[in-house]
Amino acid sequence: MSAYLVANFELTKPEGFKFYVPAVFPTLEAHGAEVLVADYESEPLEGEPGSMTVVIRFKSKEALNSWYHSPEYQKIIHLRTDNSKGIAVTVEELDLEKNLRLLETM
């Protein structure tokens, strides 16, 4: 089942962040990931999100975690975290039956 990394952030130091994008793409490609969304001008509907939103698809949650914790990504993650402020979450592809079962237990 596919898993997705969803990130929303505000660039705090654009001059430093510009090195992140060319560095991150080879790590994503090496892990079979596909960038579905990358928008520097996200428009908020609710709340106060940052202006940058990214959605990346991986083959599975295991593949996503393998990429995130890989030495290659850990070597460059500071290019994002030192130059932006925001959130990143992992989500799995919708499994309606599973979600309905989880709702019943709440």
PDB file of N, CA and C in Angstrom:
ATOM      1  N   MET A   1       0.845  -1.166   0.000  1.00  0.00           N
ATOM      2  CA  MET A   1       0.000   0.000   0.000  1.00  0.00           C
ATOM      3  C   MET A   1       0.900   1.243   0.000  1.00  0.00           C
ATOM      4  N   SER A   2       0.596   2.202  -0.853  1.00  0.00           N
ATOM      5  CA  SER A   2       1.392   3.428  -0.930  1.00  0.00           C
ATOM      6  C   SER A   2       1.326   4.219   0.367  1.00  0.00           C
ATOM      7  N   ALA A   3       2.411   4.941   0.624  1.00  0.00           N
ATOM      8  CA  ALA A   3       2.478   5.855   1.762  1.00  0.00           C
ATOM      9  C   ALA A   3       2.959   7.199   1.233  1.00  0.00           C
ATOM     10  N   TYR A   4       2.570   8.242   1.943  1.00  0.00           N
ATOM     11  CA  TYR A   4       2.868   9.595   1.483  1.00  0.00           C
ATOM     12  C   TYR A   4       3.519  10.400   2.593  1.00  0.00           C
ATOM     13  N   LEU A   5       4.477  11.214   2.201  1.00  0.00           N
ATOM     14  CA  LEU A   5       5.025  12.213   3.090  1.00  0.00           C
ATOM     15  C   LEU A   5       4.339  13.513   2.697  1.00  0.00           C
ATOM     16  N   VAL A   6       3.701  14.164   3.672  1.00  0.00           N
ATOM     17  CA  VAL A   6       3.044  15.447   3.443  1.00  0.00           C
ATOM     18  C   VAL A   6       3.747  16.455   4.335  1.00  0.00           C
ATOM     19  N   ALA A   7       4.286  17.495   3.716  1.00  0.00           N
ATOM     20  CA  ALA A   7       5.011  18.515   4.469  1.00  0.00           C
ATOM     21  C   ALA A   7       4.439  19.885   4.142  1.00  0.00           C
ATOM     22  N   ASN A   8       4.362  20.713   5.157  1.00  0.00           N
ATOM     23  CA  ASN A   8       3.948  22.101   4.971  1.00  0.00           C
ATOM     24  C   ASN A   8       4.876  22.949   5.821  1.00  0.00           C
ATOM     25  N   PHE A   9       5.464  23.941   5.202  1.00  0.00           N
ATOM     26  CA  PHE A   9       6.409  24.762   5.946  1.00  0.00           C
ATOM     27  C   PHE A   9       6.550  26.143   5.336  1.00  0.00           C
ATOM     28  N   GLU A  10       7.177  26.991   6.097  1.00  0.00           N
ATOM     29  CA  GLU A  10       7.501  28.350   5.689  1.00  0.00           C
ATOM     30  C   GLU A  10       9.016  28.433   5.575  1.00  0.00           C
ATOM     31  N   LEU A  11       9.494  28.974   4.483  1.00  0.00           N
ATOM     32  CA  LEU A  11      10.932  29.172   4.339  1.00  0.00           C
ATOM     33  C   LEU A  11      11.354  30.320   5.248  1.00  0.00           C
ATOM     34  N   THR A  12      12.329  30.072   6.103  1.00  0.00           N
ATOM     35  CA  THR A  12      12.843  31.112   6.992  1.00  0.00           C
ATOM     36  C   THR A  12      14.138  31.699   6.465  1.00  0.00           C
ATOM     37  N   LYS A  13      14.872  30.892   5.700  1.00  0.00           N
ATOM     38  CA  LYS A  13      16.134  31.342   5.098  1.00  0.00           C
ATOM     39  C   LYS A  13      16.195  30.789   3.672  1.00  0.00           C
ATOM     40  N   PRO A  14      15.530  31.451   2.734  1.00  0.00           N
ATOM     41  CA  PRO A  14      15.498  30.945   1.353  1.00  0.00           C
ATOM     42  C   PRO A  14      16.887  30.746   0.745  1.00  0.00           C
ATOM     43  N   GLU A  15      17.848  31.596   1.120  1.00  0.00           N
ATOM     44  CA  GLU A  15      19.192  31.474   0.554  1.00  0.00           C
ATOM     45  C   GLU A  15      19.866  30.162   0.947  1.00  0.00           C
ATOM     46  N   GLY A  16      19.545  29.624   2.104  1.00  0.00           N
ATOM     47  CA  GLY A  16      20.088  28.332   2.523  1.00  0.00           C
ATOM     48  C   GLY A  16      19.275  27.172   1.979  1.00  0.00           C
ATOM     49  N   PHE A  17      17.950  27.353   1.890  1.00  0.00           N
ATOM     50  CA  PHE A  17      17.066  26.290   1.422  1.00  0.00           C
ATOM     51  C   PHE A  17      17.324  25.938  -0.037  1.00  0.00           C
ATOM     52  N   LYS A  18      17.801  26.879  -0.832  1.00  0.00           N
ATOM     53  CA  LYS A  18      17.987  26.623  -2.267  1.00  0.00           C
ATOM     54  C   LYS A  18      18.934  25.448  -2.531  1.00  0.00           C
ATOM     55  N   PHE A  19      19.754  25.074  -1.557  1.00  0.00           N
ATOM     56  CA  PHE A  19      20.658  23.936  -1.723  1.00  0.00           C
ATOM     57  C   PHE A  19      19.969  22.599  -1.433  1.00  0.00           C
ATOM     58  N   TYR A  20      18.819  22.645  -0.756  1.00  0.00           N
ATOM     59  CA  TYR A  20      18.110  21.430  -0.369  1.00  0.00           C
ATOM     60  C   TYR A  20      17.502  20.707  -1.569  1.00  0.00           C
ATOM     61  N   VAL A  21      16.835  21.451  -2.428  1.00  0.00           N
ATOM     62  CA  VAL A  21      16.094  20.828  -3.534  1.00  0.00           C
ATOM     63  C   VAL A  21      17.004  19.986  -4.430  1.00  0.00           C
ATOM     64  N   PRO A  22      18.121  20.517  -4.940  1.00  0.00           N
ATOM     65  CA  PRO A  22      18.968  19.658  -5.783  1.00  0.00           C
ATOM     66  C   PRO A  22      19.618  18.509  -5.012  1.00  0.00           C
ATOM     67  N   ALA A  23      19.761  18.651  -3.711  1.00  0.00           N
ATOM     68  CA  ALA A  23      20.357  17.580  -2.909  1.00  0.00           C
ATOM     69  C   ALA A  23      19.362  16.474  -2.598  1.00  0.00           C
ATOM     70  N   VAL A  24      18.083  16.817  -2.415  1.00  0.00           N
ATOM     71  CA  VAL A  24      17.101  15.822  -1.986  1.00  0.00           C
ATOM     72  C   VAL A  24      16.614  14.929  -3.126  1.00  0.00           C
ATOM     73  N   PHE A  25      16.530  15.456  -4.346  1.00  0.00           N
ATOM     74  CA  PHE A  25      15.959  14.666  -5.433  1.00  0.00           C
ATOM     75  C   PHE A  25      16.702  13.354  -5.690  1.00  0.00           C
ATOM     76  N   PRO A  26      18.041  13.320  -5.703  1.00  0.00           N
ATOM     77  CA  PRO A  26      18.700  12.021  -5.891  1.00  0.00           C
ATOM     78  C   PRO A  26      18.382  11.012  -4.784  1.00  0.00           C
ATOM     79  N   THR A  27      18.193  11.479  -3.555  1.00  0.00           N
ATOM     80  CA  THR A  27      17.862  10.544  -2.471  1.00  0.00           C
ATOM     81  C   THR A  27      16.462   9.980  -2.662  1.00  0.00           C
ATOM     82  N   LEU A  28      15.547  10.813  -3.128  1.00  0.00           N
ATOM     83  CA  LEU A  28      14.182  10.345  -3.394  1.00  0.00           C
ATOM     84  C   LEU A  28      14.166   9.332  -4.531  1.00  0.00           C
ATOM     85  N   GLU A  29      14.854   9.655  -5.616  1.00  0.00           N
ATOM     86  CA  GLU A  29      14.910   8.754  -6.768  1.00  0.00           C
ATOM     87  C   GLU A  29      15.498   7.399  -6.369  1.00  0.00           C
ATOM     88  N   ALA A  30      16.520   7.409  -5.526  1.00  0.00           N
ATOM     89  CA  ALA A  30      17.156   6.159  -5.094  1.00  0.00           C
ATOM     90  C   ALA A  30      16.210   5.279  -4.295  1.00  0.00           C
ATOM     91  N   HIS A  31      15.159   5.868  -3.734  1.00  0.00           N
ATOM     92  CA  HIS A  31      14.195   5.108  -2.933  1.00  0.00           C
ATOM     93  C   HIS A  31      12.852   4.947  -3.649  1.00  0.00           C
ATOM     94  N   GLY A  32      12.834   5.222  -4.950  1.00  0.00           N
ATOM     95  CA  GLY A  32      11.635   4.995  -5.747  1.00  0.00           C
ATOM     96  C   GLY A  32      10.480   5.932  -5.447  1.00  0.00           C
ATOM     97  N   ALA A  33      10.764   7.098  -4.898  1.00  0.00           N
ATOM     98  CA  ALA A  33       9.712   8.043  -4.530  1.00  0.00           C
ATOM     99  C   ALA A  33       9.314   8.912  -5.719  1.00  0.00           C
ATOM    100  N   GLU A  34       8.094   9.422  -5.657  1.00  0.00           N
ATOM    101  CA  GLU A  34       7.567  10.303  -6.694  1.00  0.00           C
ATOM    102  C   GLU A  34       7.003  11.561  -6.045  1.00  0.00           C
ATOM    103  N   VAL A  35       7.512  12.707  -6.434  1.00  0.00           N
ATOM    104  CA  VAL A  35       6.991  13.977  -5.921  1.00  0.00           C
ATOM    105  C   VAL A  35       5.705  14.283  -6.683  1.00  0.00           C
ATOM    106  N   LEU A  36       4.593  14.330  -5.964  1.00  0.00           N
ATOM    107  CA  LEU A  36       3.296  14.593  -6.572  1.00  0.00           C
ATOM    108  C   LEU A  36       2.930  16.073  -6.525  1.00  0.00           C
ATOM    109  N   VAL A  37       3.336  16.745  -5.454  1.00  0.00           N
ATOM    110  CA  VAL A  37       3.003  18.154  -5.257  1.00  0.00           C
ATOM    111  C   VAL A  37       4.216  18.855  -4.678  1.00  0.00           C
ATOM    112  N   ALA A  38       4.520  20.023  -5.212  1.00  0.00           N
ATOM    113  CA  ALA A  38       5.540  20.899  -4.633  1.00  0.00           C
ATOM    114  C   ALA A  38       5.134  22.317  -5.012  1.00  0.00           C
ATOM    115  N   ASP A  39       4.529  23.018  -4.078  1.00  0.00           N
ATOM    116  CA  ASP A  39       3.967  24.338  -4.353  1.00  0.00           C
ATOM    117  C   ASP A  39       4.507  25.351  -3.348  1.00  0.00           C
ATOM    118  N   TYR A  40       5.172  26.370  -3.848  1.00  0.00           N
ATOM    119  CA  TYR A  40       5.731  27.415  -2.987  1.00  0.00           C
ATOM    120  C   TYR A  40       4.690  28.472  -2.623  1.00  0.00           C
ATOM    121  N   GLU A  41       3.511  28.396  -3.221  1.00  0.00           N
ATOM    122  CA  GLU A  41       2.469  29.392  -2.957  1.00  0.00           C
ATOM    123  C   GLU A  41       1.147  28.732  -2.581  1.00  0.00           C
ATOM    124  N   SER A  42       1.198  27.833  -1.617  1.00  0.00           N
ATOM    125  CA  SER A  42      -0.023  27.172  -1.147  1.00  0.00           C
ATOM    126  C   SER A  42      -0.997  28.215  -0.625  1.00  0.00           C
ATOM    127  N   GLU A  43      -2.270  28.003  -0.905  1.00  0.00           N
ATOM    128  CA  GLU A  43      -3.296  28.926  -0.438  1.00  0.00           C
ATOM    129  C   GLU A  43      -4.071  28.286   0.706  1.00  0.00           C
ATOM    130  N   PRO A  44      -4.037  28.896   1.879  1.00  0.00           N
ATOM    131  CA  PRO A  44      -4.733  28.303   3.031  1.00  0.00           C
ATOM    132  C   PRO A  44      -6.248  28.388   2.898  1.00  0.00           C
ATOM    133  N   LEU A  45      -6.899  27.323   3.309  1.00  0.00           N
ATOM    134  CA  LEU A  45      -8.356  27.312   3.437  1.00  0.00           C
ATOM    135  C   LEU A  45      -8.745  27.415   4.908  1.00  0.00           C
ATOM    136  N   GLU A  46      -7.905  26.846   5.771  1.00  0.00           N
ATOM    137  CA  GLU A  46      -8.143  26.862   7.215  1.00  0.00           C
ATOM    138  C   GLU A  46      -6.810  26.971   7.930  1.00  0.00           C
ATOM    139  N   GLY A  47      -6.821  27.574   9.083  1.00  0.00           N
ATOM    140  CA  GLY A  47      -5.617  27.655   9.893  1.00  0.00           C
ATOM    141  C   GLY A  47      -4.592  28.603   9.320  1.00  0.00           C
ATOM    142  N   GLU A  48      -3.341  28.410   9.776  1.00  0.00           N
ATOM    143  CA  GLU A  48      -2.246  29.268   9.352  1.00  0.00           C
ATOM    144  C   GLU A  48      -1.062  28.432   8.882  1.00  0.00           C
ATOM    145  N   PRO A  49      -1.231  27.721   7.765  1.00  0.00           N
ATOM    146  CA  PRO A  49      -0.135  26.892   7.267  1.00  0.00           C
ATOM    147  C   PRO A  49       0.961  27.749   6.630  1.00  0.00           C
ATOM    148  N   GLY A  50       2.115  27.132   6.410  1.00  0.00           N
ATOM    149  CA  GLY A  50       3.178  27.789   5.677  1.00  0.00           C
ATOM    150  C   GLY A  50       2.835  27.856   4.201  1.00  0.00           C
ATOM    151  N   SER A  51       3.629  28.573   3.452  1.00  0.00           N
ATOM    152  CA  SER A  51       3.333  28.759   2.032  1.00  0.00           C
ATOM    153  C   SER A  51       3.835  27.618   1.149  1.00  0.00           C
ATOM    154  N   MET A  52       4.655  26.720   1.682  1.00  0.00           N
ATOM    155  CA  MET A  52       5.218  25.619   0.896  1.00  0.00           C
ATOM    156  C   MET A  52       4.565  24.308   1.301  1.00  0.00           C
ATOM    157  N   THR A  53       4.045  23.572   0.310  1.00  0.00           N
ATOM    158  CA  THR A  53       3.453  22.264   0.568  1.00  0.00           C
ATOM    159  C   THR A  53       4.046  21.254  -0.402  1.00  0.00           C
ATOM    160  N   VAL A  54       4.387  20.072   0.128  1.00  0.00           N
ATOM    161  CA  VAL A  54       4.973  19.001  -0.668  1.00  0.00           C
ATOM    162  C   VAL A  54       4.251  17.696  -0.328  1.00  0.00           C
ATOM    163  N   VAL A  55       3.959  16.903  -1.360  1.00  0.00           N
ATOM    164  CA  VAL A  55       3.407  15.562  -1.176  1.00  0.00           C
ATOM    165  C   VAL A  55       4.262  14.608  -2.009  1.00  0.00           C
ATOM    166  N   ILE A  56       4.807  13.588  -1.341  1.00  0.00           N
ATOM    167  CA  ILE A  56       5.684  12.628  -2.008  1.00  0.00           C
ATOM    168  C   ILE A  56       5.134  11.226  -1.774  1.00  0.00           C
ATOM    169  N   ARG A  57       5.013  10.448  -2.863  1.00  0.00           N
ATOM    170  CA  ARG A  57       4.503   9.079  -2.760  1.00  0.00           C
ATOM    171  C   ARG A  57       5.667   8.086  -2.718  1.00  0.00           C
ATOM    172  N   PHE A  58       5.541   7.118  -1.809  1.00  0.00           N
ATOM    173  CA  PHE A  58       6.484   6.005  -1.694  1.00  0.00           C
ATOM    174  C   PHE A  58       5.704   4.712  -1.877  1.00  0.00           C
ATOM    175  N   LYS A  59       6.388   3.633  -2.201  1.00  0.00           N
ATOM    176  CA  LYS A  59       5.725   2.342  -2.411  1.00  0.00           C
ATOM    177  C   LYS A  59       5.045   1.827  -1.151  1.00  0.00           C
ATOM    178  N   SER A  60       5.611   2.187   0.011  1.00  0.00           N
ATOM    179  CA  SER A  60       5.069   1.703   1.284  1.00  0.00           C
ATOM    180  C   SER A  60       5.585   2.597   2.406  1.00  0.00           C
ATOM    181  N   LYS A  61       5.009   2.424   3.581  1.00  0.00           N
ATOM    182  CA  LYS A  61       5.484   3.169   4.749  1.00  0.00           C
ATOM    183  C   LYS A  61       6.919   2.761   5.083  1.00  0.00           C
ATOM    184  N   GLU A  62       7.234   1.491   4.859  1.00  0.00           N
ATOM    185  CA  GLU A  62       8.589   1.025   5.102  1.00  0.00           C
ATOM    186  C   GLU A  62       9.574   1.722   4.173  1.00  0.00           C
ATOM    187  N   ALA A  63       9.192   1.885   2.898  1.00  0.00           N
ATOM    188  CA  ALA A  63      10.060   2.576   1.937  1.00  0.00           C
ATOM    189  C   ALA A  63      10.239   4.043   2.330  1.00  0.00           C
ATOM    190  N   LEU A  64       9.178   4.671   2.793  1.00  0.00           N
ATOM    191  CA  LEU A  64       9.263   6.062   3.238  1.00  0.00           C
ATOM    192  C   LEU A  64      10.215   6.183   4.417  1.00  0.00           C
ATOM    193  N   ASN A  65      10.044   5.320   5.404  1.00  0.00           N
ATOM    194  CA  ASN A  65      10.911   5.363   6.587  1.00  0.00           C
ATOM    195  C   ASN A  65      12.354   5.023   6.233  1.00  0.00           C
ATOM    196  N   SER A  66      12.545   4.127   5.302  1.00  0.00           N
ATOM    197  CA  SER A  66      13.891   3.781   4.857  1.00  0.00           C
ATOM    198  C   SER A  66      14.574   5.001   4.250  1.00  0.00           C
ATOM    199  N   TRP A  67      13.858   5.740   3.417  1.00  0.00           N
ATOM    200  CA  TRP A  67      14.411   6.971   2.831  1.00  0.00           C
ATOM    201  C   TRP A  67      14.703   8.001   3.918  1.00  0.00           C
ATOM    202  N   TYR A  68      13.718   8.262   4.784  1.00  0.00           N
ATOM    203  CA  TYR A  68      13.862   9.321   5.784  1.00  0.00           C
ATOM    204  C   TYR A  68      15.051   9.066   6.707  1.00  0.00           C
ATOM    205  N   HIS A  69      15.257   7.831   7.092  1.00  0.00           N
ATOM    206  CA  HIS A  69      16.324   7.492   8.027  1.00  0.00           C
ATOM    207  C   HIS A  69      17.635   7.093   7.335  1.00  0.00           C
ATOM    208  N   SER A  70      17.659   7.140   6.013  1.00  0.00           N
ATOM    209  CA  SER A  70      18.864   6.750   5.286  1.00  0.00           C
ATOM    210  C   SER A  70      20.010   7.719   5.571  1.00  0.00           C
ATOM    211  N   PRO A  71      21.237   7.220   5.543  1.00  0.00           N
ATOM    212  CA  PRO A  71      22.390   8.102   5.748  1.00  0.00           C
ATOM    213  C   PRO A  71      22.441   9.241   4.729  1.00  0.00           C
ATOM    214  N   GLU A  72      22.022   8.954   3.492  1.00  0.00           N
ATOM    215  CA  GLU A  72      22.050   9.980   2.450  1.00  0.00           C
ATOM    216  C   GLU A  72      21.123  11.150   2.791  1.00  0.00           C
ATOM    217  N   TYR A  73      19.917  10.825   3.274  1.00  0.00           N
ATOM    218  CA  TYR A  73      18.989  11.904   3.611  1.00  0.00           C
ATOM    219  C   TYR A  73      19.388  12.585   4.914  1.00  0.00           C
ATOM    220  N   GLN A  74      19.810  11.815   5.888  1.00  0.00           N
ATOM    221  CA  GLN A  74      20.200  12.415   7.161  1.00  0.00           C
ATOM    222  C   GLN A  74      21.372  13.382   6.994  1.00  0.00           C
ATOM    223  N   LYS A  75      22.196  13.153   5.995  1.00  0.00           N
ATOM    224  CA  LYS A  75      23.326  14.035   5.726  1.00  0.00           C
ATOM    225  C   LYS A  75      22.869  15.421   5.243  1.00  0.00           C
ATOM    226  N   ILE A  76      21.688  15.489   4.603  1.00  0.00           N
ATOM    227  CA  ILE A  76      21.232  16.768   4.029  1.00  0.00           C
ATOM    228  C   ILE A  76      19.994  17.348   4.703  1.00  0.00           C
ATOM    229  N   ILE A  77      19.386  16.631   5.632  1.00  0.00           N
ATOM    230  CA  ILE A  77      18.133  17.094   6.235  1.00  0.00           C
ATOM    231  C   ILE A  77      18.274  18.482   6.849  1.00  0.00           C
ATOM    232  N   HIS A  78      19.466  18.796   7.341  1.00  0.00           N
ATOM    233  CA  HIS A  78      19.681  20.111   7.955  1.00  0.00           C
ATOM    234  C   HIS A  78      19.466  21.248   6.953  1.00  0.00           C
ATOM    235  N   LEU A  79      19.613  20.973   5.662  1.00  0.00           N
ATOM    236  CA  LEU A  79      19.371  22.009   4.662  1.00  0.00           C
ATOM    237  C   LEU A  79      17.910  22.439   4.656  1.00  0.00           C
ATOM    238  N   ARG A  80      17.027  21.525   5.065  1.00  0.00           N
ATOM    239  CA  ARG A  80      15.607  21.866   5.190  1.00  0.00           C
ATOM    240  C   ARG A  80      15.302  22.409   6.575  1.00  0.00           C
ATOM    241  N   THR A  81      15.715  21.686   7.606  1.00  0.00           N
ATOM    242  CA  THR A  81      15.313  22.060   8.966  1.00  0.00           C
ATOM    243  C   THR A  81      15.976  23.339   9.451  1.00  0.00           C
ATOM    244  N   ASP A  82      17.172  23.649   8.969  1.00  0.00           N
ATOM    245  CA  ASP A  82      17.839  24.893   9.369  1.00  0.00           C
ATOM    246  C   ASP A  82      17.289  26.111   8.636  1.00  0.00           C
ATOM    247  N   ASN A  83      16.553  25.880   7.561  1.00  0.00           N
ATOM    248  CA  ASN A  83      16.131  26.973   6.690  1.00  0.00           C
ATOM    249  C   ASN A  83      14.624  27.087   6.506  1.00  0.00           C
ATOM    250  N   SER A  84      13.877  26.323   7.296  1.00  0.00           N
ATOM    251  CA  SER A  84      12.417  26.379   7.214  1.00  0.00           C
ATOM    252  C   SER A  84      11.826  25.971   8.560  1.00  0.00           C
ATOM    253  N   LYS A  85      10.547  26.271   8.693  1.00  0.00           N
ATOM    254  CA  LYS A  85       9.809  25.895   9.904  1.00  0.00           C
ATOM    255  C   LYS A  85       8.480  25.314   9.464  1.00  0.00           C
ATOM    256  N   GLY A  86       8.161  24.121   9.977  1.00  0.00           N
ATOM    257  CA  GLY A  86       6.893  23.531   9.575  1.00  0.00           C
ATOM    258  C   GLY A  86       6.704  22.135  10.109  1.00  0.00           C
ATOM    259  N   ILE A  87       5.903  21.365   9.379  1.00  0.00           N
ATOM    260  CA  ILE A  87       5.545  20.012   9.804  1.00  0.00           C
ATOM    261  C   ILE A  87       5.723  19.038   8.642  1.00  0.00           C
ATOM    262  N   ALA A  88       5.932  17.781   8.997  1.00  0.00           N
ATOM    263  CA  ALA A  88       5.944  16.688   8.020  1.00  0.00           C
ATOM    264  C   ALA A  88       5.273  15.494   8.682  1.00  0.00           C
ATOM    265  N   VAL A  89       4.380  14.854   7.950  1.00  0.00           N
ATOM    266  CA  VAL A  89       3.677  13.681   8.473  1.00  0.00           C
ATOM    267  C   VAL A  89       3.704  12.576   7.421  1.00  0.00           C
ATOM    268  N   THR A  90       3.556  11.334   7.892  1.00  0.00           N
ATOM    269  CA  THR A  90       3.403  10.209   6.979  1.00  0.00           C
ATOM    270  C   THR A  90       1.959   9.731   7.056  1.00  0.00           C
ATOM    271  N   VAL A  91       1.427   9.386   5.916  1.00  0.00           N
ATOM    272  CA  VAL A  91       0.074   8.841   5.854  1.00  0.00           C
ATOM    273  C   VAL A  91       0.065   7.696   4.846  1.00  0.00           C
ATOM    274  N   GLU A  92      -0.798   6.739   5.106  1.00  0.00           N
ATOM    275  CA  GLU A  92      -0.936   5.628   4.173  1.00  0.00           C
ATOM    276  C   GLU A  92      -2.134   5.872   3.270  1.00  0.00           C
ATOM    277  N   GLU A  93      -2.096   5.198   2.137  1.00  0.00           N
ATOM    278  CA  GLU A  93      -3.189   5.253   1.188  1.00  0.00           C
ATOM    279  C   GLU A  93      -4.499   4.872   1.893  1.00  0.00           C
ATOM    280  N   LEU A  94      -5.592   5.443   1.462  1.00  0.00           N
ATOM    281  CA  LEU A  94      -6.878   5.200   2.106  1.00  0.00           C
ATOM    282  C   LEU A  94      -7.276   3.730   2.030  1.00  0.00           C
ATOM    283  N   ASP A  95      -7.567   3.173   3.184  1.00  0.00           N
ATOM    284  CA  ASP A  95      -8.151   1.845   3.315  1.00  0.00           C
ATOM    285  C   ASP A  95      -9.439   2.075   4.092  1.00  0.00           C
ATOM    286  N   LEU A  96     -10.544   2.276   3.376  1.00  0.00           N
ATOM    287  CA  LEU A  96     -11.806   2.675   3.988  1.00  0.00           C
ATOM    288  C   LEU A  96     -12.275   1.690   5.051  1.00  0.00           C
ATOM    289  N   GLU A  97     -12.176   0.395   4.795  1.00  0.00           N
ATOM    290  CA  GLU A  97     -12.617  -0.597   5.781  1.00  0.00           C
ATOM    291  C   GLU A  97     -11.807  -0.480   7.068  1.00  0.00           C
ATOM    292  N   LYS A  98     -10.488  -0.351   6.927  1.00  0.00           N
ATOM    293  CA  LYS A  98      -9.623  -0.199   8.109  1.00  0.00           C
ATOM    294  C   LYS A  98     -10.006   1.063   8.888  1.00  0.00           C
ATOM    295  N   ASN A  99     -10.207   2.162   8.187  1.00  0.00           N
ATOM    296  CA  ASN A  99     -10.547   3.414   8.863  1.00  0.00           C
ATOM    297  C   ASN A  99     -11.896   3.316   9.580  1.00  0.00           C
ATOM    298  N   LEU A 100     -12.863   2.664   8.957  1.00  0.00           N
ATOM    299  CA  LEU A 100     -14.167   2.511   9.599  1.00  0.00           C
ATOM    300  C   LEU A 100     -14.053   1.645  10.853  1.00  0.00           C
ATOM    301  N   ARG A 101     -13.223   0.592  10.800  1.00  0.00           N
ATOM    302  CA  ARG A 101     -13.003  -0.242  11.991  1.00  0.00           C
ATOM    303  C   ARG A 101     -12.362   0.585  13.103  1.00  0.00           C
ATOM    304  N   LEU A 102     -11.383   1.417  12.766  1.00  0.00           N
ATOM    305  CA  LEU A 102     -10.736   2.271  13.770  1.00  0.00           C
ATOM    306  C   LEU A 102     -11.722   3.247  14.395  1.00  0.00           C
ATOM    307  N   LEU A 103     -12.610   3.800  13.582  1.00  0.00           N
ATOM    308  CA  LEU A 103     -13.618   4.724  14.103  1.00  0.00           C
ATOM    309  C   LEU A 103     -14.547   4.041  15.093  1.00  0.00           C
ATOM    310  N   GLU A 104     -14.854   2.781  14.830  1.00  0.00           N
ATOM    311  CA  GLU A 104     -15.750   2.041  15.734  1.00  0.00           C
ATOM    312  C   GLU A 104     -15.116   1.835  17.110  1.00  0.00           C
ATOM    313  N   THR A 105     -13.796   1.823  17.191  1.00  0.00           N
ATOM    314  CA  THR A 105     -13.123   1.597  18.471  1.00  0.00           C
ATOM    315  C   THR A 105     -12.923   2.885  19.263  1.00  0.00           C
ATOM    316  N   MET A 106     -13.245   3.993  18.674  1.00  0.00           N
ATOM    317  CA  MET A 106     -13.042   5.292  19.362  1.00  0.00           C
ATOM    318  C   MET A 106     -14.226   5.640  20.235  1.00  0.00           C
TER     319      MET A 106
END
